[in-house]
Amino acid sequence: MASSFTKKNTPPSVGRGTSHLTRRGWGLLFSALFCVIVGYGAGLMELLYAACFLGVLPFASLILVRMRRRRLSVTRTFAPKVASAGAPVLVEIELRNLSAGASSPASWADHIPWYPGTAGPGFLPVLSGALPGYANPAAATRVRYTLRPGTRGVFPIGPLAIEYGDPFGLAAGSASLGGVQQLSVVPAVVPFGTDGPSIVSGDGSARLVQRRSSGSDDDLITREYRSGDALRRVHWRASARHGELMVRQEEQHTFPEARVLIDTREDGYGDAWADLGGEESGSGSFEWAVRMVASLGVHLHAAGFQVHLLETASAQIAPLGETNQGQGQELEFLLSLAAIRRSEEHGRHFGGITSASTSAPTSAFTRPPAAIPTSMPDIAPRAEGAAGPIFAVVAEPSDDTLRWIVAQRRTHELGVAFVVGRRATLAFETLAESGWVCVPVRETDDPALVWASISRFAGQSGGGAR
């Protein structure tokens, strides 16, 4: 993510904006009024002349500021073009004077959605006039500032506000340059490293063997010598290491599959809070779930897994695609996570497929958790051909949602559930009794440490595949 992104705002001109008198200008007006009162009272015509001069000067300055038109183009650049939560972003703005005359000195401030609301202020020097057919370097300048977004999302940056005045400082004007640009801030991807578990797809254990996507089409492995094997296939180095004859065996390279599931329903996060306007709300457990899905998806994809993404509501996450599509596909995946929101969908509508079940809804918590059906084709659609281990990130899913999640794990498949929050006891117990490896998570936990703890909890649950 070291590249930059450039967008030239249109239209490139700035209108008159607003203008007002400064404190100095108001001071001259009050001085003029004082001179008028004293001049009439004392009969001093000199004070009346001074009052006329003091009164005209502020209004002349105000007219000058209001009549001055500014034509400036704006080019805003983000580096990197896609930011990560908590990482710095360099914002560079190029301003170019498009007028024939020189601009006056000004100050600038860029609007941002975080406290204190603007970046800056900074000084904008005099820009020379533009010359037809000639790129005058003195007609342009660059200003820079650094942002550090703390959370993921798609945030509006801009417009750029400038403030300018007359040479005497009696009047000031302000205007907006360009428009608003969107800055995408993706969840921070945490590298899992080599301390985590290793998983074998579909063998029922908590051991994960990550086959890599690099290399030739055929991966060379060895096995013990069998009667009838040609001597030319004997692998002498492996034979010496194992103490018996070993022969070469070529196996067609395949990409193992894994599934990542996230509960995106609003009713699955009881810790949501609303702002004073009641329009937006947040959830610490949901934000942790998004961070974990980002890190887990990138980790599995880089390890050679073909990752299938499952959501409890309508799909919002971009697919990771084939393992050989590289970082471009991962970028689309992360960009979709930057904009993901909790869905207000209700009822038996999971992953974009509506349930056709006619059975009466029964609470998953009014009966033994093991009695929850593990094969529910009417409400448990799976990605076509998807198999292998499944990783679910949940907090407090509803009864129907929990039954659907339980049904996604086939018998003898490894299922790992990251259960976020202290109030998610019922979900934890239900999934654990249904054969899942459950890992309790706090909102402040490091995803890498949580990943490394899977093996410990798998040992407590007997492997997590039943």
Protein backbone atom coordinates (compact mmCIF):
# COMPACT_ATOMS: atom_id res chain seq x y z
CA MET A 1 0.00 0.00 0.00
CA ALA A 2 2.79 2.40 -0.79
CA SER A 3 1.25 3.91 -3.89
CA SER A 4 -0.47 7.26 -4.11
CA PHE A 5 -3.84 8.33 -5.41
CA THR A 6 -4.51 11.57 -7.24
CA LYS A 7 -7.80 13.21 -8.06
CA LYS A 8 -8.27 16.63 -9.58
CA ASN A 9 -11.35 18.33 -8.23
CA THR A 10 -13.72 19.97 -10.71
CA PRO A 11 -14.67 22.70 -11.32
CA PRO A 12 -11.18 24.14 -10.72
CA SER A 13 -12.33 27.65 -9.82
CA VAL A 14 -13.38 29.26 -6.57
CA GLY A 15 -16.11 31.87 -6.39
CA ARG A 16 -16.36 34.92 -4.21
CA GLY A 17 -17.30 33.03 -1.06
CA THR A 18 -18.09 35.09 2.03
CA SER A 19 -16.50 38.26 3.38
CA HIS A 20 -16.61 40.23 6.63
CA LEU A 21 -14.89 43.01 8.52
CA THR A 22 -12.06 42.13 10.85
CA ARG A 23 -11.66 43.50 14.37
CA ARG A 24 -9.43 46.19 12.95
CA GLY A 25 -12.10 47.16 10.44
CA TRP A 26 -14.79 47.34 13.12
CA GLY A 27 -12.39 49.37 15.25
CA LEU A 28 -12.04 51.97 12.50
CA LEU A 29 -15.82 52.17 12.13
CA PHE A 30 -16.29 52.79 15.85
CA SER A 31 -13.49 55.37 15.70
CA ALA A 32 -15.30 57.11 12.85
CA LEU A 33 -18.52 57.14 14.88
CA PHE A 34 -16.65 58.56 17.86
CA CYS A 35 -15.14 61.32 15.70
CA VAL A 36 -18.57 62.24 14.35
CA ILE A 37 -20.04 62.58 17.84
CA VAL A 38 -17.13 64.57 19.22
CA GLY A 39 -16.81 66.67 16.07
CA TYR A 40 -20.44 67.77 16.13
CA GLY A 41 -20.38 68.31 19.88
CA ALA A 42 -17.19 70.38 19.84
CA GLY A 43 -17.73 71.97 16.46
CA LEU A 44 -14.45 70.62 15.08
CA MET A 45 -14.71 70.06 11.33
CA GLU A 46 -11.34 68.30 11.29
CA LEU A 47 -12.82 65.43 13.26
CA LEU A 48 -15.65 65.13 10.75
CA TYR A 49 -13.13 64.86 7.92
CA ALA A 50 -11.26 62.18 9.86
CA ALA A 51 -14.55 60.37 10.49
CA CYS A 52 -15.27 60.26 6.75
CA PHE A 53 -11.85 58.80 6.03
CA LEU A 54 -12.07 56.25 8.83
CA GLY A 55 -15.56 55.19 7.75
CA VAL A 56 -14.82 54.85 4.03
CA LEU A 57 -11.63 52.80 4.37
CA PRO A 58 -13.18 49.65 5.95
CA PHE A 59 -16.03 49.59 3.43
CA ALA A 60 -13.59 50.02 0.54
CA SER A 61 -11.55 47.10 1.86
CA LEU A 62 -14.68 44.97 2.22
CA ILE A 63 -15.70 45.72 -1.37
CA LEU A 64 -12.19 44.88 -2.59
CA VAL A 65 -12.22 41.51 -0.85
CA ARG A 66 -15.74 40.70 -2.02
CA MET A 67 -15.09 41.63 -5.65
CA ARG A 68 -11.85 39.70 -5.93
CA ARG A 69 -12.39 36.40 -7.76
CA ARG A 70 -10.00 33.53 -7.19
CA ARG A 71 -9.41 30.80 -9.74
CA LEU A 72 -7.39 28.00 -8.23
CA SER A 73 -7.18 24.34 -9.20
CA VAL A 74 -6.79 21.68 -6.54
CA THR A 75 -5.11 18.28 -6.82
CA ARG A 76 -5.28 16.19 -3.66
CA THR A 77 -3.07 13.10 -3.26
CA PHE A 78 -3.21 10.35 -0.64
CA ALA A 79 -0.15 8.24 0.11
CA PRO A 80 -0.86 5.40 0.50
CA LYS A 81 -4.02 5.57 -1.56
CA VAL A 82 -5.74 3.10 0.78
CA ALA A 83 -5.03 3.69 4.45
CA SER A 84 -4.96 1.18 7.27
CA ALA A 85 -6.60 1.99 10.58
CA GLY A 86 -4.02 3.41 12.95
CA ALA A 87 -1.43 4.04 10.22
CA PRO A 88 -0.37 7.52 9.02
CA VAL A 89 -1.57 8.91 5.69
CA LEU A 90 0.22 11.74 3.93
CA VAL A 91 -2.16 14.17 2.25
CA GLU A 92 -0.56 16.44 -0.36
CA ILE A 93 -2.51 19.25 -2.01
CA GLU A 94 -1.27 21.10 -5.07
CA LEU A 95 -2.83 24.52 -5.71
CA ARG A 96 -2.36 26.28 -9.02
CA ASN A 97 -3.38 29.83 -9.87
CA LEU A 98 -5.45 29.91 -13.06
CA SER A 99 -5.95 33.69 -13.10
CA ALA A 100 -3.80 36.11 -15.08
CA GLY A 101 -3.09 38.17 -11.98
CA ALA A 102 -1.15 37.13 -8.92
CA SER A 103 -3.02 35.90 -5.88
CA SER A 104 -2.72 37.47 -2.46
CA PRO A 105 -1.39 35.66 0.62
CA ALA A 106 -3.91 33.45 2.37
CA SER A 107 -4.26 30.74 4.98
CA TRP A 108 -5.67 27.28 4.30
CA ALA A 109 -7.41 24.52 6.26
CA ASP A 110 -8.66 21.18 4.94
CA HIS A 111 -11.91 19.77 6.29
CA ILE A 112 -11.57 16.34 7.92
CA PRO A 113 -14.18 14.20 9.73
CA TRP A 114 -12.13 13.90 12.94
CA TYR A 115 -11.51 16.32 15.78
CA PRO A 116 -10.88 19.25 15.54
CA GLY A 117 -12.63 19.19 12.16
CA THR A 118 -9.86 20.74 10.06
CA ALA A 119 -6.23 20.02 9.23
CA GLY A 120 -4.04 23.10 9.39
CA PRO A 121 -4.19 26.03 9.29
CA GLY A 122 -1.22 26.78 7.10
CA PHE A 123 0.16 29.67 5.10
CA LEU A 124 -0.55 29.96 1.38
CA PRO A 125 2.04 32.17 -0.37
CA VAL A 126 1.51 34.55 -3.26
CA LEU A 127 1.03 32.66 -6.54
CA SER A 128 2.08 34.26 -9.81
CA GLY A 129 -0.41 34.67 -12.60
CA ALA A 130 -0.88 31.95 -15.20
CA LEU A 131 0.67 32.50 -18.62
CA PRO A 132 -1.12 31.12 -21.70
CA GLY A 133 0.78 28.19 -23.18
CA TYR A 134 3.39 28.19 -20.43
CA ALA A 135 3.49 26.16 -17.23
CA ASN A 136 4.63 28.78 -14.76
CA PRO A 137 6.14 26.98 -11.73
CA ALA A 138 5.66 30.11 -9.62
CA ALA A 139 1.90 29.82 -10.17
CA ALA A 140 1.65 26.61 -8.10
CA THR A 141 2.46 25.48 -4.59
CA ARG A 142 2.07 22.33 -2.50
CA VAL A 143 0.87 21.94 1.05
CA ARG A 144 1.04 18.74 3.11
CA TYR A 145 -0.33 17.32 6.30
CA THR A 146 -0.57 13.90 7.93
CA LEU A 147 -3.65 12.01 9.08
CA ARG A 148 -3.84 8.96 11.33
CA PRO A 149 -7.35 7.48 11.10
CA GLY A 150 -8.14 5.44 14.17
CA THR A 151 -10.99 3.39 12.73
CA ARG A 152 -11.93 1.76 9.45
CA GLY A 153 -14.45 3.36 7.11
CA VAL A 154 -14.89 5.57 4.07
CA PHE A 155 -14.36 9.17 5.12
CA PRO A 156 -14.90 12.49 3.28
CA ILE A 157 -11.82 14.70 3.02
CA GLY A 158 -12.27 18.31 1.93
CA PRO A 159 -13.16 20.77 0.65
CA LEU A 160 -10.13 22.98 1.20
CA ALA A 161 -11.02 26.27 2.86
CA ILE A 162 -8.94 29.41 2.35
CA GLU A 163 -9.08 32.74 4.14
CA TYR A 164 -7.64 35.94 2.69
CA GLY A 165 -7.83 39.65 3.33
CA ASP A 166 -6.98 43.13 2.10
CA PRO A 167 -3.49 44.65 2.52
CA PHE A 168 -4.61 46.69 5.56
CA GLY A 169 -6.22 43.79 7.41
CA LEU A 170 -9.59 45.54 7.61
CA ALA A 171 -11.66 42.89 5.80
CA ALA A 172 -11.36 39.14 5.25
CA GLY A 173 -12.93 36.62 2.92
CA SER A 174 -13.22 32.85 2.83
CA ALA A 175 -13.96 30.36 0.09
CA SER A 176 -13.94 26.63 -0.56
CA LEU A 177 -11.61 25.04 -3.08
CA GLY A 178 -12.52 21.92 -4.97
CA GLY A 179 -14.82 19.29 -3.57
CA VAL A 180 -14.86 16.26 -1.31
CA GLN A 181 -12.74 13.14 -1.82
CA GLN A 182 -13.32 9.78 -0.20
CA LEU A 183 -10.50 8.23 1.82
CA SER A 184 -10.88 4.48 2.31
CA VAL A 185 -9.48 3.22 5.60
CA VAL A 186 -9.33 -0.57 5.72
CA PRO A 187 -9.05 -2.64 8.90
CA ALA A 188 -5.50 -3.12 10.08
CA VAL A 189 -4.22 -6.50 8.91
CA VAL A 190 -2.27 -8.24 11.66
CA PRO A 191 0.32 -10.81 10.52
CA PHE A 192 -0.27 -14.12 12.26
CA GLY A 193 3.31 -15.29 11.92
CA THR A 194 4.43 -18.88 12.46
CA ASP A 195 3.29 -19.36 16.06
CA GLY A 196 -0.29 -20.15 15.15
CA PRO A 197 -1.88 -23.54 14.62
CA SER A 198 -1.66 -25.60 11.48
CA ILE A 199 -4.89 -27.02 10.05
CA VAL A 200 -5.47 -29.96 7.74
CA SER A 201 -8.60 -29.46 5.68
CA GLY A 202 -11.27 -31.95 6.57
CA ASP A 203 -9.39 -34.53 8.64
CA GLY A 204 -11.09 -33.58 11.86
CA SER A 205 -8.01 -32.45 13.73
CA ALA A 206 -6.88 -29.05 14.89
CA ARG A 207 -3.62 -29.36 13.00
CA LEU A 208 -3.35 -27.12 9.96
CA VAL A 209 -1.02 -27.84 7.05
CA GLN A 210 -0.79 -24.78 4.85
CA ARG A 211 0.05 -25.74 1.30
CA ARG A 212 1.60 -22.93 -0.62
CA SER A 213 0.43 -21.69 -3.97
CA SER A 214 3.94 -21.06 -5.23
CA GLY A 215 6.10 -23.59 -7.02
CA SER A 216 5.57 -25.84 -10.00
CA ASP A 217 2.36 -27.54 -11.05
CA ASP A 218 3.53 -30.83 -9.49
CA ASP A 219 4.87 -30.93 -5.96
CA LEU A 220 7.48 -33.58 -5.29
CA ILE A 221 6.89 -35.75 -2.23
CA THR A 222 8.33 -39.09 -1.17
CA ARG A 223 6.93 -42.36 0.16
CA GLU A 224 8.35 -45.68 1.23
CA TYR A 225 9.65 -48.12 -1.41
CA ARG A 226 7.15 -50.71 -2.59
CA SER A 227 7.74 -53.89 -4.55
CA GLY A 228 7.74 -53.12 -8.26
CA ASP A 229 8.86 -49.50 -7.96
CA ALA A 230 11.52 -48.55 -10.49
CA LEU A 231 14.96 -47.95 -9.04
CA ARG A 232 15.24 -44.70 -10.98
CA ARG A 233 12.52 -43.29 -8.72
CA VAL A 234 14.52 -43.93 -5.55
CA HIS A 235 15.23 -40.67 -3.69
CA TRP A 236 18.63 -41.37 -2.13
CA ARG A 237 18.78 -38.29 0.08
CA ALA A 238 15.40 -39.04 1.62
CA SER A 239 16.36 -42.71 1.96
CA ALA A 240 19.45 -41.78 3.93
CA ARG A 241 17.44 -39.48 6.17
CA HIS A 242 14.69 -42.05 6.91
CA GLY A 243 16.92 -45.12 7.04
CA GLU A 244 14.87 -46.98 4.41
CA LEU A 245 14.33 -46.78 0.69
CA MET A 246 12.14 -43.84 -0.31
CA VAL A 247 10.84 -43.18 -3.83
CA ARG A 248 9.70 -40.03 -5.53
CA GLN A 249 5.98 -39.55 -5.87
CA GLU A 250 4.46 -36.66 -7.76
CA GLU A 251 1.14 -35.33 -6.62
CA GLN A 252 -0.98 -32.85 -8.54
CA HIS A 253 -0.97 -29.48 -6.81
CA THR A 254 -4.35 -28.57 -5.33
CA PHE A 255 -5.54 -25.59 -3.38
CA PRO A 256 -7.17 -26.44 -0.04
CA GLU A 257 -10.35 -24.62 0.84
CA ALA A 258 -11.36 -22.74 3.95
CA ARG A 259 -14.44 -20.79 4.92
CA VAL A 260 -14.62 -17.59 6.95
CA LEU A 261 -17.99 -16.63 8.44
CA ILE A 262 -18.96 -13.36 10.10
CA ASP A 263 -22.24 -12.43 11.72
CA THR A 264 -23.27 -9.15 10.10
CA ARG A 265 -26.72 -8.88 11.63
CA GLU A 266 -27.44 -5.94 13.89
CA ASP A 267 -29.22 -8.10 16.47
CA GLY A 268 -26.04 -10.13 16.94
CA TYR A 269 -24.20 -7.32 18.72
CA GLY A 270 -25.75 -6.22 21.98
CA ASP A 271 -22.97 -3.76 22.76
CA ALA A 272 -23.94 -1.36 19.96
CA TRP A 273 -24.14 2.28 20.93
CA ALA A 274 -25.80 5.16 19.10
CA ASP A 275 -24.63 8.72 18.71
CA LEU A 276 -26.65 11.72 19.85
CA GLY A 277 -28.35 11.99 16.47
CA GLY A 278 -29.40 8.37 16.52
CA GLU A 279 -28.33 7.88 12.91
CA GLU A 280 -25.06 6.01 13.30
CA SER A 281 -24.11 3.39 15.81
CA GLY A 282 -21.03 1.42 16.60
CA SER A 283 -20.14 -1.87 18.20
CA GLY A 284 -16.77 -2.72 19.65
CA SER A 285 -17.33 -6.44 19.19
CA PHE A 286 -18.35 -5.98 15.55
CA GLU A 287 -15.27 -3.87 14.86
CA TRP A 288 -13.09 -6.60 16.35
CA ALA A 289 -14.89 -9.17 14.20
CA VAL A 290 -14.14 -7.14 11.07
CA ARG A 291 -10.46 -6.83 12.01
CA MET A 292 -10.24 -10.57 12.60
CA VAL A 293 -11.91 -11.41 9.29
CA ALA A 294 -9.50 -9.07 7.48
CA SER A 295 -6.41 -10.62 9.06
CA LEU A 296 -7.70 -14.19 8.80
CA GLY A 297 -8.77 -13.85 5.18
CA VAL A 298 -5.45 -12.38 4.07
CA HIS A 299 -3.51 -14.98 6.09
CA LEU A 300 -5.36 -17.97 4.63
CA HIS A 301 -5.27 -16.55 1.10
CA ALA A 302 -1.53 -15.95 1.29
CA ALA A 303 -1.04 -19.47 2.67
CA GLY A 304 -2.58 -21.00 -0.45
CA PHE A 305 -6.15 -21.52 0.69
CA GLN A 306 -9.11 -20.73 -1.52
CA VAL A 307 -11.20 -18.73 0.91
CA HIS A 308 -15.01 -18.72 0.81
CA LEU A 309 -16.65 -15.86 2.70
CA LEU A 310 -19.99 -16.35 4.43
CA GLU A 311 -22.21 -13.69 5.97
CA THR A 312 -25.36 -14.08 8.00
CA ALA A 313 -27.04 -11.23 6.09
CA SER A 314 -26.84 -10.05 2.49
CA ALA A 315 -23.35 -10.22 1.02
CA GLN A 316 -21.21 -7.11 1.47
CA ILE A 317 -17.69 -8.55 1.35
CA ALA A 318 -15.83 -8.87 -1.95
CA PRO A 319 -14.51 -12.38 -2.70
CA LEU A 320 -10.85 -13.16 -2.29
CA GLY A 321 -10.83 -15.21 -5.50
CA GLU A 322 -8.18 -17.64 -6.61
CA THR A 323 -4.93 -17.83 -4.73
CA ASN A 324 -2.92 -16.83 -7.80
CA GLN A 325 -4.73 -13.49 -8.17
CA GLY A 326 -2.43 -11.92 -5.59
CA GLN A 327 -2.68 -8.68 -3.66
CA GLY A 328 -5.05 -6.99 -6.10
CA GLN A 329 -7.82 -9.32 -5.02
CA GLU A 330 -6.90 -8.84 -1.38
CA LEU A 331 -7.20 -5.06 -1.83
CA GLU A 332 -10.77 -5.38 -3.11
CA PHE A 333 -11.53 -7.65 -0.16
CA LEU A 334 -10.16 -5.11 2.32
CA LEU A 335 -11.93 -2.20 0.63
CA SER A 336 -15.24 -3.98 1.05
CA LEU A 337 -14.47 -4.49 4.74
CA ALA A 338 -13.81 -0.76 5.06
CA ALA A 339 -17.43 -0.08 4.14
CA ILE A 340 -19.14 -3.08 5.76
CA ARG A 341 -21.95 -2.29 8.19
CA ARG A 342 -24.23 -4.25 10.45
CA SER A 343 -27.39 -5.21 8.60
CA GLU A 344 -30.89 -4.60 9.91
CA GLU A 345 -32.19 -7.74 8.23
CA HIS A 346 -34.35 -10.01 10.36
CA GLY A 347 -35.94 -13.40 9.95
CA ARG A 348 -34.58 -16.51 8.29
CA HIS A 349 -32.67 -14.89 5.49
CA PHE A 350 -29.05 -15.96 5.61
CA GLY A 351 -26.29 -15.17 3.17
CA GLY A 352 -28.71 -13.93 0.54
CA ILE A 353 -30.76 -17.16 0.52
CA THR A 354 -34.20 -17.18 2.11
CA SER A 355 -35.14 -20.09 4.33
CA ALA A 356 -37.97 -22.32 3.20
CA SER A 357 -38.29 -23.98 6.57
CA THR A 358 -41.83 -24.33 7.81
CA SER A 359 -40.96 -25.62 11.24
CA ALA A 360 -41.80 -23.43 14.19
CA PRO A 361 -38.80 -21.48 15.44
CA THR A 362 -37.41 -23.05 18.59
CA SER A 363 -34.92 -21.28 20.77
CA ALA A 364 -31.48 -22.83 20.62
CA PHE A 365 -31.16 -22.22 24.33
CA THR A 366 -34.35 -23.97 25.52
CA ARG A 367 -33.00 -27.41 24.69
CA PRO A 368 -29.64 -29.14 24.96
CA PRO A 369 -27.22 -27.47 22.51
CA ALA A 370 -26.23 -30.84 21.05
CA ALA A 371 -29.82 -31.25 19.82
CA ILE A 372 -29.41 -28.41 17.35
CA PRO A 373 -29.56 -30.02 13.89
CA THR A 374 -26.28 -30.07 12.02
CA SER A 375 -27.85 -30.75 8.63
CA MET A 376 -30.42 -28.13 7.64
CA PRO A 377 -30.31 -27.72 3.85
CA ASP A 378 -33.32 -25.41 3.83
CA ILE A 379 -31.77 -22.77 6.07
CA ALA A 380 -28.09 -23.67 5.81
CA PRO A 381 -26.94 -22.97 2.26
CA ARG A 382 -23.23 -23.48 1.68
CA ALA A 383 -20.89 -22.12 -0.93
CA GLU A 384 -20.98 -24.51 -3.84
CA GLY A 385 -18.16 -27.01 -3.54
CA ALA A 386 -16.87 -25.37 -0.36
CA ALA A 387 -15.27 -27.70 2.15
CA GLY A 388 -12.51 -27.75 4.69
CA PRO A 389 -12.17 -25.86 7.95
CA ILE A 390 -14.59 -23.08 8.81
CA PHE A 391 -13.83 -20.07 11.00
CA ALA A 392 -16.73 -18.09 12.45
CA VAL A 393 -16.54 -14.72 14.20
CA VAL A 394 -19.63 -14.02 16.29
CA ALA A 395 -20.75 -12.20 19.42
CA GLU A 396 -24.36 -12.69 20.47
CA PRO A 397 -26.16 -14.18 17.45
CA SER A 398 -29.90 -14.70 17.54
CA ASP A 399 -31.35 -18.19 17.89
CA ASP A 400 -32.02 -18.64 14.17
CA THR A 401 -28.65 -17.20 13.24
CA LEU A 402 -26.89 -19.51 15.68
CA ARG A 403 -28.63 -22.59 14.28
CA TRP A 404 -27.58 -21.56 10.78
CA ILE A 405 -23.97 -21.07 11.88
CA VAL A 406 -23.92 -24.46 13.61
CA ALA A 407 -25.18 -26.13 10.44
CA GLN A 408 -22.34 -24.76 8.31
CA ARG A 409 -19.87 -27.23 9.81
CA ARG A 410 -20.20 -30.69 8.38
CA THR A 411 -19.46 -33.74 10.47
CA HIS A 412 -15.71 -34.27 11.02
CA GLU A 413 -14.88 -30.82 9.66
CA LEU A 414 -12.90 -28.46 11.81
CA GLY A 415 -14.95 -25.51 13.00
CA VAL A 416 -13.38 -22.68 14.98
CA ALA A 417 -15.59 -19.98 16.50
CA PHE A 418 -14.15 -16.73 17.82
CA VAL A 419 -16.79 -15.62 20.32
CA VAL A 420 -16.45 -11.92 21.18
CA GLY A 421 -17.64 -10.40 24.43
CA ARG A 422 -18.31 -11.48 27.98
CA ARG A 423 -22.06 -11.73 27.43
CA ALA A 424 -21.74 -14.36 24.69
CA THR A 425 -21.80 -17.31 27.10
CA LEU A 426 -24.83 -19.01 25.53
CA ALA A 427 -23.38 -18.82 22.02
CA PHE A 428 -20.07 -20.16 23.31
CA GLU A 429 -21.69 -23.14 25.03
CA THR A 430 -23.98 -23.95 22.11
CA LEU A 431 -21.19 -23.96 19.54
CA ALA A 432 -18.84 -25.90 21.81
CA GLU A 433 -21.44 -28.62 22.43
CA SER A 434 -22.04 -28.80 18.67
CA GLY A 435 -18.43 -29.75 17.96
CA TRP A 436 -16.84 -26.34 17.39
CA VAL A 437 -13.56 -25.18 18.86
CA CYS A 438 -14.61 -22.02 20.71
CA VAL A 439 -12.12 -19.28 21.52
CA PRO A 440 -13.33 -16.56 23.92
CA VAL A 441 -12.29 -13.10 22.81
CA ARG A 442 -12.25 -9.62 24.33
CA GLU A 443 -12.49 -6.51 22.18
CA THR A 444 -8.98 -5.50 23.17
CA ASP A 445 -7.34 -8.81 22.24
CA ASP A 446 -4.71 -8.96 19.52
CA PRO A 447 -6.01 -11.09 16.60
CA ALA A 448 -2.57 -12.68 16.23
CA LEU A 449 -2.58 -13.85 19.86
CA VAL A 450 -6.13 -15.13 19.50
CA TRP A 451 -5.09 -17.09 16.42
CA ALA A 452 -2.14 -18.58 18.28
CA SER A 453 -4.44 -19.75 21.09
CA ILE A 454 -6.60 -22.01 18.89
CA SER A 455 -4.54 -25.12 19.59
CA ARG A 456 -4.92 -24.67 23.34
CA PHE A 457 -8.71 -24.45 23.15
CA ALA A 458 -8.83 -27.27 20.60
CA GLY A 459 -7.12 -29.52 23.13
CA GLN A 460 -9.71 -28.61 25.73
CA SER A 461 -12.58 -29.48 23.38
CA GLY A 462 -11.10 -32.71 22.11
CA GLY A 463 -10.10 -31.48 18.68
CA GLY A 464 -13.26 -29.69 17.74
CA ALA A 465 -14.47 -32.06 15.03
CA ARG A 466 -17.27 -34.46 15.68
